[in-house]
Amino acid sequence: MSVSSTRIRDYYELTKPKVVALIVFTAVVGMFLATPDMVPLDVLILGTLGIGLAAASAAAINQLLEYHLDARMGRTKRRPLPTGKVSVQEAIALAFVLGLASVLLLWLAINPLTAVLTFASLIGYAFIYTLWLKHASPQNIVIGGVSGAAPPLLGWTAVTGSVDPHALLLVLIIFIWTPPHFWALAIARRDDYARVGIPMLPVTHGNRFTRLHILLYTILLLLVSILPYLTGMSGLIYLAGALILGFGFLYFAIALKISDRPELPMKTFAYSVTYLMALFAILLVDHYILITV
């Protein structure tokens, strides 16, 4: 691999591409759910790009602010900044360029509302959560979850230029999904978080307490996930999918609660990612089948 290719890969890793991909996917689904027709091609391409650039910028800022902690954690010590593959100055430049490009693109090519909401989400995750909330309370992921839950709303406003209750319902689903998703990972990486003094729930209250809260939030998620059907936003296809996926998540949450098997936290974490992607995919399928039937 050439030096230039290696550098590009290092910059790419700095943007947390897997996380950005999930963010962009939920934003795109929000776009399609906002209209009974097809999303205009320019909005789909430019809106997706703008939201993706903001997510990448936020990820780079997050790593920039925590690279000294990442260097001490097994899960993150091989990231570009702790290893020195990317310098602090380069990371600052990358984050600034991506963030500025996102705001300008969304403001000029989409609409000011989407630009403002996207920028607020970037600031909320990259600075308010990373710098303050993450280190202030074991409820950090709950309080800071709004920023990470915003993408479907951003996709919706990119198409309509306005905030709709149904868009907020999508935000609510991701907001409730975030704690059991992240706490499962936090259980698996409890020693890492304890080592660097980050007060994640398993560190401050123990694994048993965290497992109980994963179960409670999963039950709440199952209930919240059927609201799109109850409000008329989606139909029976979505309801069936939401229940199947929700009971699958509940299976893992119960197993995590009653068993100390070491592989369960990461299996629960992995399922939670699949759950969210599948839930939004089913929302999209249901949306267009409802219209054409």
C-alpha atoms as a PDB file:
ATOM      1  CA  MET A   1       0.000   0.000   0.000  1.00  0.00           C
ATOM      2  CA  SER A   2       1.386   3.436  -0.962  1.00  0.00           C
ATOM      3  CA  VAL A   3       2.095   6.175   1.569  1.00  0.00           C
ATOM      4  CA  SER A   4      -0.763   8.308   0.222  1.00  0.00           C
ATOM      5  CA  SER A   5      -3.215   5.410   0.474  1.00  0.00           C
ATOM      6  CA  THR A   6      -2.144   4.753   4.042  1.00  0.00           C
ATOM      7  CA  ARG A   7      -2.642   8.415   4.944  1.00  0.00           C
ATOM      8  CA  ILE A   8      -6.115   8.439   3.442  1.00  0.00           C
ATOM      9  CA  ARG A   9      -6.994   5.316   5.417  1.00  0.00           C
ATOM     10  CA  ASP A  10      -5.763   6.940   8.627  1.00  0.00           C
ATOM     11  CA  TYR A  11      -7.894  10.029   8.026  1.00  0.00           C
ATOM     12  CA  TYR A  12     -10.814   7.771   7.151  1.00  0.00           C
ATOM     13  CA  GLU A  13     -10.485   5.876  10.445  1.00  0.00           C
ATOM     14  CA  LEU A  14     -10.459   9.181  12.313  1.00  0.00           C
ATOM     15  CA  THR A  15     -14.061   9.775  11.165  1.00  0.00           C
ATOM     16  CA  LYS A  16     -15.416   6.507  12.672  1.00  0.00           C
ATOM     17  CA  PRO A  17     -16.851   5.309   9.339  1.00  0.00           C
ATOM     18  CA  LYS A  18     -19.008   2.509  10.772  1.00  0.00           C
ATOM     19  CA  VAL A  19     -20.732   4.906  13.156  1.00  0.00           C
ATOM     20  CA  VAL A  20     -21.152   7.490  10.393  1.00  0.00           C
ATOM     21  CA  ALA A  21     -22.663   4.846   8.112  1.00  0.00           C
ATOM     22  CA  LEU A  22     -25.374   4.044  10.673  1.00  0.00           C
ATOM     23  CA  ILE A  23     -26.050   7.763  11.208  1.00  0.00           C
ATOM     24  CA  VAL A  24     -26.341   8.415   7.482  1.00  0.00           C
ATOM     25  CA  PHE A  25     -28.591   5.391   6.978  1.00  0.00           C
ATOM     26  CA  THR A  26     -31.128   6.565   9.575  1.00  0.00           C
ATOM     27  CA  ALA A  27     -30.987  10.075   8.099  1.00  0.00           C
ATOM     28  CA  VAL A  28     -31.719   8.752   4.609  1.00  0.00           C
ATOM     29  CA  VAL A  29     -34.655   6.730   5.920  1.00  0.00           C
ATOM     30  CA  GLY A  30     -35.928   9.923   7.547  1.00  0.00           C
ATOM     31  CA  MET A  31     -35.791  11.605   4.145  1.00  0.00           C
ATOM     32  CA  PHE A  32     -37.881   8.936   2.459  1.00  0.00           C
ATOM     33  CA  LEU A  33     -40.417   8.781   5.284  1.00  0.00           C
ATOM     34  CA  ALA A  34     -40.934  12.544   4.991  1.00  0.00           C
ATOM     35  CA  THR A  35     -42.603  12.276   1.579  1.00  0.00           C
ATOM     36  CA  PRO A  36     -45.145   9.969  -0.096  1.00  0.00           C
ATOM     37  CA  ASP A  37     -43.151  10.355  -3.306  1.00  0.00           C
ATOM     38  CA  MET A  38     -39.483   9.917  -4.097  1.00  0.00           C
ATOM     39  CA  VAL A  39     -36.960  12.212  -2.462  1.00  0.00           C
ATOM     40  CA  PRO A  40     -35.618  14.771  -4.975  1.00  0.00           C
ATOM     41  CA  LEU A  41     -32.241  13.535  -6.193  1.00  0.00           C
ATOM     42  CA  ASP A  42     -30.395  16.739  -5.299  1.00  0.00           C
ATOM     43  CA  VAL A  43     -31.765  16.658  -1.742  1.00  0.00           C
ATOM     44  CA  LEU A  44     -30.924  12.975  -1.377  1.00  0.00           C
ATOM     45  CA  ILE A  45     -27.327  13.381  -2.542  1.00  0.00           C
ATOM     46  CA  LEU A  46     -26.446  16.770  -1.056  1.00  0.00           C
ATOM     47  CA  GLY A  47     -28.438  16.288   2.151  1.00  0.00           C
ATOM     48  CA  THR A  48     -26.857  12.898   2.786  1.00  0.00           C
ATOM     49  CA  LEU A  49     -23.408  14.302   2.073  1.00  0.00           C
ATOM     50  CA  GLY A  50     -23.924  17.272   4.382  1.00  0.00           C
ATOM     51  CA  ILE A  51     -25.193  15.167   7.275  1.00  0.00           C
ATOM     52  CA  GLY A  52     -22.418  12.619   6.727  1.00  0.00           C
ATOM     53  CA  LEU A  53     -19.743  15.320   6.755  1.00  0.00           C
ATOM     54  CA  ALA A  54     -21.076  16.666  10.061  1.00  0.00           C
ATOM     55  CA  ALA A  55     -21.066  13.191  11.603  1.00  0.00           C
ATOM     56  CA  ALA A  56     -17.505  12.623  10.412  1.00  0.00           C
ATOM     57  CA  SER A  57     -16.432  15.984  11.839  1.00  0.00           C
ATOM     58  CA  ALA A  58     -18.015  15.184  15.199  1.00  0.00           C
ATOM     59  CA  ALA A  59     -16.262  11.798  15.267  1.00  0.00           C
ATOM     60  CA  ALA A  60     -12.899  13.417  14.547  1.00  0.00           C
ATOM     61  CA  ILE A  61     -13.440  16.019  17.282  1.00  0.00           C
ATOM     62  CA  ASN A  62     -14.435  13.262  19.706  1.00  0.00           C
ATOM     63  CA  GLN A  63     -11.196  11.390  19.040  1.00  0.00           C
ATOM     64  CA  LEU A  64      -9.203  14.608  19.164  1.00  0.00           C
ATOM     65  CA  LEU A  65     -10.527  15.505  22.602  1.00  0.00           C
ATOM     66  CA  GLU A  66     -10.004  12.014  23.993  1.00  0.00           C
ATOM     67  CA  TYR A  67      -6.868  10.707  22.304  1.00  0.00           C
ATOM     68  CA  HIS A  68      -4.967  10.797  25.614  1.00  0.00           C
ATOM     69  CA  LEU A  69      -7.631   8.537  27.113  1.00  0.00           C
ATOM     70  CA  ASP A  70      -7.878   6.367  23.990  1.00  0.00           C
ATOM     71  CA  ALA A  71      -4.168   5.604  24.340  1.00  0.00           C
ATOM     72  CA  ARG A  72      -4.888   3.880  27.683  1.00  0.00           C
ATOM     73  CA  MET A  73      -7.870   1.797  26.545  1.00  0.00           C
ATOM     74  CA  GLY A  74      -7.549  -1.548  24.808  1.00  0.00           C
ATOM     75  CA  ARG A  75     -10.460  -0.882  22.440  1.00  0.00           C
ATOM     76  CA  THR A  76      -9.134   2.464  21.221  1.00  0.00           C
ATOM     77  CA  LYS A  77      -5.352   2.499  21.635  1.00  0.00           C
ATOM     78  CA  ARG A  78      -4.788   1.654  17.944  1.00  0.00           C
ATOM     79  CA  ARG A  79      -6.735   4.663  16.669  1.00  0.00           C
ATOM     80  CA  PRO A  80      -4.825   7.112  14.423  1.00  0.00           C
ATOM     81  CA  LEU A  81      -4.184   9.779  17.086  1.00  0.00           C
ATOM     82  CA  PRO A  82      -2.885   7.570  19.939  1.00  0.00           C
ATOM     83  CA  THR A  83      -0.565   5.768  17.518  1.00  0.00           C
ATOM     84  CA  GLY A  84       0.706   9.032  16.026  1.00  0.00           C
ATOM     85  CA  LYS A  85      -0.441   8.141  12.501  1.00  0.00           C
ATOM     86  CA  VAL A  86      -2.357  11.437  12.448  1.00  0.00           C
ATOM     87  CA  SER A  87      -1.101  14.519  14.293  1.00  0.00           C
ATOM     88  CA  VAL A  88      -3.264  16.730  16.499  1.00  0.00           C
ATOM     89  CA  GLN A  89      -2.884  19.594  14.014  1.00  0.00           C
ATOM     90  CA  GLU A  90      -4.007  17.374  11.137  1.00  0.00           C
ATOM     91  CA  ALA A  91      -7.011  16.159  13.111  1.00  0.00           C
ATOM     92  CA  ILE A  92      -8.024  19.738  13.939  1.00  0.00           C
ATOM     93  CA  ALA A  93      -7.760  20.730  10.284  1.00  0.00           C
ATOM     94  CA  LEU A  94      -9.768  17.708   9.138  1.00  0.00           C
ATOM     95  CA  ALA A  95     -12.538  18.249  11.707  1.00  0.00           C
ATOM     96  CA  PHE A  96     -12.768  21.966  10.863  1.00  0.00           C
ATOM     97  CA  VAL A  97     -12.914  21.436   7.102  1.00  0.00           C
ATOM     98  CA  LEU A  98     -15.528  18.676   7.381  1.00  0.00           C
ATOM     99  CA  GLY A  99     -17.692  20.675   9.783  1.00  0.00           C
ATOM    100  CA  LEU A 100     -17.499  23.881   7.754  1.00  0.00           C
ATOM    101  CA  ALA A 101     -18.243  22.052   4.509  1.00  0.00           C
ATOM    102  CA  SER A 102     -21.258  20.399   6.125  1.00  0.00           C
ATOM    103  CA  VAL A 103     -22.813  23.627   7.393  1.00  0.00           C
ATOM    104  CA  LEU A 104     -22.198  25.529   4.142  1.00  0.00           C
ATOM    105  CA  LEU A 105     -23.524  22.690   1.990  1.00  0.00           C
ATOM    106  CA  LEU A 106     -26.685  22.214   4.026  1.00  0.00           C
ATOM    107  CA  TRP A 107     -27.336  25.962   4.367  1.00  0.00           C
ATOM    108  CA  LEU A 108     -26.851  26.780   0.695  1.00  0.00           C
ATOM    109  CA  ALA A 109     -28.103  23.610  -1.008  1.00  0.00           C
ATOM    110  CA  ILE A 110     -30.761  22.255   1.392  1.00  0.00           C
ATOM    111  CA  ASN A 111     -32.237  24.707   3.925  1.00  0.00           C
ATOM    112  CA  PRO A 112     -31.108  26.749   6.946  1.00  0.00           C
ATOM    113  CA  LEU A 113     -33.163  24.684   9.420  1.00  0.00           C
ATOM    114  CA  THR A 114     -31.329  21.473   8.531  1.00  0.00           C
ATOM    115  CA  ALA A 115     -27.990  23.277   8.673  1.00  0.00           C
ATOM    116  CA  VAL A 116     -28.723  24.700  12.137  1.00  0.00           C
ATOM    117  CA  LEU A 117     -30.031  21.414  13.552  1.00  0.00           C
ATOM    118  CA  THR A 118     -27.100  19.473  12.117  1.00  0.00           C
ATOM    119  CA  PHE A 119     -24.596  21.947  13.542  1.00  0.00           C
ATOM    120  CA  ALA A 120     -26.341  21.807  16.931  1.00  0.00           C
ATOM    121  CA  SER A 121     -26.125  18.011  16.855  1.00  0.00           C
ATOM    122  CA  LEU A 122     -22.412  18.213  16.007  1.00  0.00           C
ATOM    123  CA  ILE A 123     -21.735  20.592  18.893  1.00  0.00           C
ATOM    124  CA  GLY A 124     -23.881  18.527  21.257  1.00  0.00           C
ATOM    125  CA  TYR A 125     -21.983  15.303  20.629  1.00  0.00           C
ATOM    126  CA  ALA A 126     -18.485  16.586  19.957  1.00  0.00           C
ATOM    127  CA  PHE A 127     -18.275  19.098  22.787  1.00  0.00           C
ATOM    128  CA  ILE A 128     -21.160  18.996  25.288  1.00  0.00           C
ATOM    129  CA  TYR A 129     -21.207  15.194  25.537  1.00  0.00           C
ATOM    130  CA  THR A 130     -17.504  14.468  25.029  1.00  0.00           C
ATOM    131  CA  LEU A 131     -16.093  17.291  27.144  1.00  0.00           C
ATOM    132  CA  TRP A 132     -18.679  17.481  29.912  1.00  0.00           C
ATOM    133  CA  LEU A 133     -21.489  14.929  30.142  1.00  0.00           C
ATOM    134  CA  LYS A 134     -19.344  11.865  29.523  1.00  0.00           C
ATOM    135  CA  HIS A 135     -17.230  12.723  32.562  1.00  0.00           C
ATOM    136  CA  ALA A 136     -19.959  14.268  34.732  1.00  0.00           C
ATOM    137  CA  SER A 137     -22.544  11.547  35.322  1.00  0.00           C
ATOM    138  CA  PRO A 138     -23.142   7.799  34.934  1.00  0.00           C
ATOM    139  CA  GLN A 139     -26.305   8.858  33.078  1.00  0.00           C
ATOM    140  CA  ASN A 140     -24.079  10.495  30.454  1.00  0.00           C
ATOM    141  CA  ILE A 141     -25.252   8.352  27.564  1.00  0.00           C
ATOM    142  CA  VAL A 142     -28.911   8.972  28.462  1.00  0.00           C
ATOM    143  CA  ILE A 143     -28.604  12.742  28.793  1.00  0.00           C
ATOM    144  CA  GLY A 144     -26.364  13.082  25.767  1.00  0.00           C
ATOM    145  CA  GLY A 145     -28.380  10.703  23.626  1.00  0.00           C
ATOM    146  CA  VAL A 146     -30.397  13.420  21.901  1.00  0.00           C
ATOM    147  CA  SER A 147     -27.485  14.448  19.671  1.00  0.00           C
ATOM    148  CA  GLY A 148     -26.956  10.910  18.475  1.00  0.00           C
ATOM    149  CA  ALA A 149     -30.687  10.424  17.926  1.00  0.00           C
ATOM    150  CA  ALA A 150     -31.084  13.456  15.648  1.00  0.00           C
ATOM    151  CA  PRO A 151     -30.177  12.033  12.175  1.00  0.00           C
ATOM    152  CA  PRO A 152     -33.689  10.940  11.075  1.00  0.00           C
ATOM    153  CA  LEU A 153     -34.974  14.389  12.047  1.00  0.00           C
ATOM    154  CA  LEU A 154     -32.193  15.972   9.986  1.00  0.00           C
ATOM    155  CA  GLY A 155     -33.136  13.823   7.002  1.00  0.00           C
ATOM    156  CA  TRP A 156     -36.795  14.747   7.434  1.00  0.00           C
ATOM    157  CA  THR A 157     -36.164  18.487   7.606  1.00  0.00           C
ATOM    158  CA  ALA A 158     -33.866  18.259   4.584  1.00  0.00           C
ATOM    159  CA  VAL A 159     -36.919  17.231   2.554  1.00  0.00           C
ATOM    160  CA  THR A 160     -39.684  19.273   4.201  1.00  0.00           C
ATOM    161  CA  GLY A 161     -37.915  22.227   5.785  1.00  0.00           C
ATOM    162  CA  SER A 162     -39.975  21.717   8.930  1.00  0.00           C
ATOM    163  CA  VAL A 163     -40.107  19.601  12.092  1.00  0.00           C
ATOM    164  CA  ASP A 164     -42.857  16.972  12.167  1.00  0.00           C
ATOM    165  CA  PRO A 165     -44.114  14.895  15.131  1.00  0.00           C
ATOM    166  CA  HIS A 166     -43.431  11.705  13.184  1.00  0.00           C
ATOM    167  CA  ALA A 167     -39.809  12.762  12.761  1.00  0.00           C
ATOM    168  CA  LEU A 168     -39.572  13.324  16.494  1.00  0.00           C
ATOM    169  CA  LEU A 169     -40.945   9.821  17.006  1.00  0.00           C
ATOM    170  CA  LEU A 170     -37.990   8.447  15.041  1.00  0.00           C
ATOM    171  CA  VAL A 171     -35.690  10.481  17.280  1.00  0.00           C
ATOM    172  CA  LEU A 172     -37.406   8.989  20.337  1.00  0.00           C
ATOM    173  CA  ILE A 173     -36.795   5.445  19.115  1.00  0.00           C
ATOM    174  CA  ILE A 174     -33.054   6.039  18.730  1.00  0.00           C
ATOM    175  CA  PHE A 175     -32.934   7.956  22.011  1.00  0.00           C
ATOM    176  CA  ILE A 176     -34.394   4.986  23.914  1.00  0.00           C
ATOM    177  CA  TRP A 177     -32.255   2.518  21.928  1.00  0.00           C
ATOM    178  CA  THR A 178     -28.977   4.263  22.799  1.00  0.00           C
ATOM    179  CA  PRO A 179     -28.621   3.325  26.517  1.00  0.00           C
ATOM    180  CA  PRO A 180     -29.059  -0.460  26.170  1.00  0.00           C
ATOM    181  CA  HIS A 181     -26.906  -0.380  23.035  1.00  0.00           C
ATOM    182  CA  PHE A 182     -24.023   1.470  24.666  1.00  0.00           C
ATOM    183  CA  TRP A 183     -24.294   0.002  28.162  1.00  0.00           C
ATOM    184  CA  ALA A 184     -23.806  -3.482  26.714  1.00  0.00           C
ATOM    185  CA  LEU A 185     -20.494  -2.285  25.280  1.00  0.00           C
ATOM    186  CA  ALA A 186     -19.670  -0.505  28.551  1.00  0.00           C
ATOM    187  CA  ILE A 187     -20.059  -3.775  30.473  1.00  0.00           C
ATOM    188  CA  ALA A 188     -17.654  -5.498  28.097  1.00  0.00           C
ATOM    189  CA  ARG A 189     -15.159  -2.621  28.395  1.00  0.00           C
ATOM    190  CA  ARG A 190     -15.752  -1.798  32.057  1.00  0.00           C
ATOM    191  CA  ASP A 191     -12.094  -2.137  33.029  1.00  0.00           C
ATOM    192  CA  ASP A 192     -11.033   0.267  30.289  1.00  0.00           C
ATOM    193  CA  TYR A 193     -13.497   2.936  31.421  1.00  0.00           C
ATOM    194  CA  ALA A 194     -12.525   2.449  35.061  1.00  0.00           C
ATOM    195  CA  ARG A 195      -8.844   2.783  34.179  1.00  0.00           C
ATOM    196  CA  VAL A 196      -9.327   6.238  32.627  1.00  0.00           C
ATOM    197  CA  GLY A 197     -11.892   7.451  35.175  1.00  0.00           C
ATOM    198  CA  ILE A 198     -14.929   7.725  32.902  1.00  0.00           C
ATOM    199  CA  PRO A 199     -18.050   7.191  35.080  1.00  0.00           C
ATOM    200  CA  MET A 200     -19.934   4.794  32.846  1.00  0.00           C
ATOM    201  CA  LEU A 201     -22.800   3.057  34.622  1.00  0.00           C
ATOM    202  CA  PRO A 202     -21.015  -0.315  35.052  1.00  0.00           C
ATOM    203  CA  VAL A 203     -18.079   1.515  36.662  1.00  0.00           C
ATOM    204  CA  THR A 204     -20.123   3.561  39.142  1.00  0.00           C
ATOM    205  CA  HIS A 205     -22.985   1.159  39.898  1.00  0.00           C
ATOM    206  CA  GLY A 206     -21.688  -2.264  38.884  1.00  0.00           C
ATOM    207  CA  ASN A 207     -22.578  -4.731  36.153  1.00  0.00           C
ATOM    208  CA  ARG A 208     -25.683  -6.137  37.864  1.00  0.00           C
ATOM    209  CA  PHE A 209     -27.306  -2.712  38.158  1.00  0.00           C
ATOM    210  CA  THR A 210     -26.403  -1.949  34.530  1.00  0.00           C
ATOM    211  CA  ARG A 211     -27.836  -5.250  33.291  1.00  0.00           C
ATOM    212  CA  LEU A 212     -31.124  -4.446  35.027  1.00  0.00           C
ATOM    213  CA  HIS A 213     -31.268  -1.053  33.340  1.00  0.00           C
ATOM    214  CA  ILE A 214     -30.479  -2.590  29.956  1.00  0.00           C
ATOM    215  CA  LEU A 215     -33.489  -4.866  30.442  1.00  0.00           C
ATOM    216  CA  LEU A 216     -35.757  -1.994  31.536  1.00  0.00           C
ATOM    217  CA  TYR A 217     -34.732   0.202  28.623  1.00  0.00           C
ATOM    218  CA  THR A 218     -35.188  -2.695  26.204  1.00  0.00           C
ATOM    219  CA  ILE A 219     -38.757  -3.200  27.427  1.00  0.00           C
ATOM    220  CA  LEU A 220     -39.357   0.528  26.998  1.00  0.00           C
ATOM    221  CA  LEU A 221     -37.827   0.372  23.519  1.00  0.00           C
ATOM    222  CA  LEU A 222     -40.161  -2.452  22.540  1.00  0.00           C
ATOM    223  CA  LEU A 223     -43.138  -0.310  23.574  1.00  0.00           C
ATOM    224  CA  VAL A 224     -41.852   2.851  21.915  1.00  0.00           C
ATOM    225  CA  SER A 225     -41.039   0.989  18.691  1.00  0.00           C
ATOM    226  CA  ILE A 226     -44.711   0.210  18.056  1.00  0.00           C
ATOM    227  CA  LEU A 227     -45.745   3.870  18.257  1.00  0.00           C
ATOM    228  CA  PRO A 228     -45.245   4.413  14.506  1.00  0.00           C
ATOM    229  CA  TYR A 229     -47.987   1.828  13.962  1.00  0.00           C
ATOM    230  CA  LEU A 230     -50.251   3.179  16.699  1.00  0.00           C
ATOM    231  CA  THR A 231     -49.990   6.741  15.326  1.00  0.00           C
ATOM    232  CA  GLY A 232     -50.743   5.687  11.746  1.00  0.00           C
ATOM    233  CA  MET A 233     -47.251   6.426  10.526  1.00  0.00           C
ATOM    234  CA  SER A 234     -46.682   2.811   9.473  1.00  0.00           C
ATOM    235  CA  GLY A 235     -48.651  -0.370   8.866  1.00  0.00           C
ATOM    236  CA  LEU A 236     -48.751  -4.042   9.705  1.00  0.00           C
ATOM    237  CA  ILE A 237     -45.504  -4.910   7.959  1.00  0.00           C
ATOM    238  CA  TYR A 238     -43.638  -2.537  10.245  1.00  0.00           C
ATOM    239  CA  LEU A 239     -45.553  -3.705  13.331  1.00  0.00           C
ATOM    240  CA  ALA A 240     -44.637  -7.336  12.668  1.00  0.00           C
ATOM    241  CA  GLY A 241     -41.000  -6.444  12.060  1.00  0.00           C
ATOM    242  CA  ALA A 242     -40.782  -4.210  15.133  1.00  0.00           C
ATOM    243  CA  LEU A 243     -42.214  -6.928  17.367  1.00  0.00           C
ATOM    244  CA  ILE A 244     -39.912  -9.648  16.014  1.00  0.00           C
ATOM    245  CA  LEU A 245     -36.841  -7.435  16.319  1.00  0.00           C
ATOM    246  CA  GLY A 246     -37.944  -6.127  19.704  1.00  0.00           C
ATOM    247  CA  PHE A 247     -38.461  -9.560  21.198  1.00  0.00           C
ATOM    248  CA  GLY A 248     -35.060 -10.549  19.794  1.00  0.00           C
ATOM    249  CA  PHE A 249     -33.503  -7.621  21.662  1.00  0.00           C
ATOM    250  CA  LEU A 250     -35.477  -8.575  24.756  1.00  0.00           C
ATOM    251  CA  TYR A 251     -34.086 -12.113  24.533  1.00  0.00           C
ATOM    252  CA  PHE A 252     -30.539 -10.779  24.698  1.00  0.00           C
ATOM    253  CA  ALA A 253     -31.410  -8.345  27.504  1.00  0.00           C
ATOM    254  CA  ILE A 254     -32.938 -11.130  29.600  1.00  0.00           C
ATOM    255  CA  ALA A 255     -30.003 -13.433  28.905  1.00  0.00           C
ATOM    256  CA  LEU A 256     -27.655 -10.639  29.938  1.00  0.00           C
ATOM    257  CA  LYS A 257     -29.636 -10.127  33.144  1.00  0.00           C
ATOM    258  CA  ILE A 258     -29.677 -13.759  34.263  1.00  0.00           C
ATOM    259  CA  SER A 259     -26.299 -14.959  32.972  1.00  0.00           C
ATOM    260  CA  ASP A 260     -22.721 -13.854  33.518  1.00  0.00           C
ATOM    261  CA  ARG A 261     -21.437 -15.474  30.329  1.00  0.00           C
ATOM    262  CA  PRO A 262     -18.588 -13.179  29.198  1.00  0.00           C
ATOM    263  CA  GLU A 263     -19.581 -13.186  25.528  1.00  0.00           C
ATOM    264  CA  LEU A 264     -23.118 -11.889  26.114  1.00  0.00           C
ATOM    265  CA  PRO A 265     -22.402  -8.140  26.430  1.00  0.00           C
ATOM    266  CA  MET A 266     -20.722  -7.948  23.017  1.00  0.00           C
ATOM    267  CA  LYS A 267     -23.357 -10.200  21.447  1.00  0.00           C
ATOM    268  CA  THR A 268     -26.024  -7.871  22.823  1.00  0.00           C
ATOM    269  CA  PHE A 269     -24.128  -4.867  21.503  1.00  0.00           C
ATOM    270  CA  ALA A 270     -23.797  -6.427  18.052  1.00  0.00           C
ATOM    271  CA  TYR A 271     -27.486  -7.336  17.958  1.00  0.00           C
ATOM    272  CA  SER A 272     -28.456  -3.802  18.939  1.00  0.00           C
ATOM    273  CA  VAL A 273     -26.730  -2.437  15.822  1.00  0.00           C
ATOM    274  CA  THR A 274     -28.480  -4.996  13.628  1.00  0.00           C
ATOM    275  CA  TYR A 275     -31.748  -4.181  15.370  1.00  0.00           C
ATOM    276  CA  LEU A 276     -31.622  -0.475  14.567  1.00  0.00           C
ATOM    277  CA  MET A 277     -30.606  -0.966  10.946  1.00  0.00           C
ATOM    278  CA  ALA A 278     -33.298  -3.582  10.382  1.00  0.00           C
ATOM    279  CA  LEU A 279     -35.991  -1.543  12.161  1.00  0.00           C
ATOM    280  CA  PHE A 280     -35.379   1.490   9.954  1.00  0.00           C
ATOM    281  CA  ALA A 281     -35.146  -0.670   6.833  1.00  0.00           C
ATOM    282  CA  ILE A 282     -38.558  -2.167   7.642  1.00  0.00           C
ATOM    283  CA  LEU A 283     -39.959   1.319   8.233  1.00  0.00           C
ATOM    284  CA  LEU A 284     -38.835   2.233   4.733  1.00  0.00           C
ATOM    285  CA  VAL A 285     -40.258  -0.894   3.090  1.00  0.00           C
ATOM    286  CA  ASP A 286     -43.558  -0.491   4.939  1.00  0.00           C
ATOM    287  CA  HIS A 287     -43.781   3.180   3.929  1.00  0.00           C
ATOM    288  CA  TYR A 288     -43.758   2.512   0.206  1.00  0.00           C
ATOM    289  CA  ILE A 289     -45.841  -0.656   0.303  1.00  0.00           C
ATOM    290  CA  LEU A 290     -48.509   1.282   2.239  1.00  0.00           C
ATOM    291  CA  ILE A 291     -48.602   3.902  -0.477  1.00  0.00           C
ATOM    292  CA  THR A 292     -48.825   1.542  -3.423  1.00  0.00           C
ATOM    293  CA  VAL A 293     -51.364  -0.952  -2.044  1.00  0.00           C
END
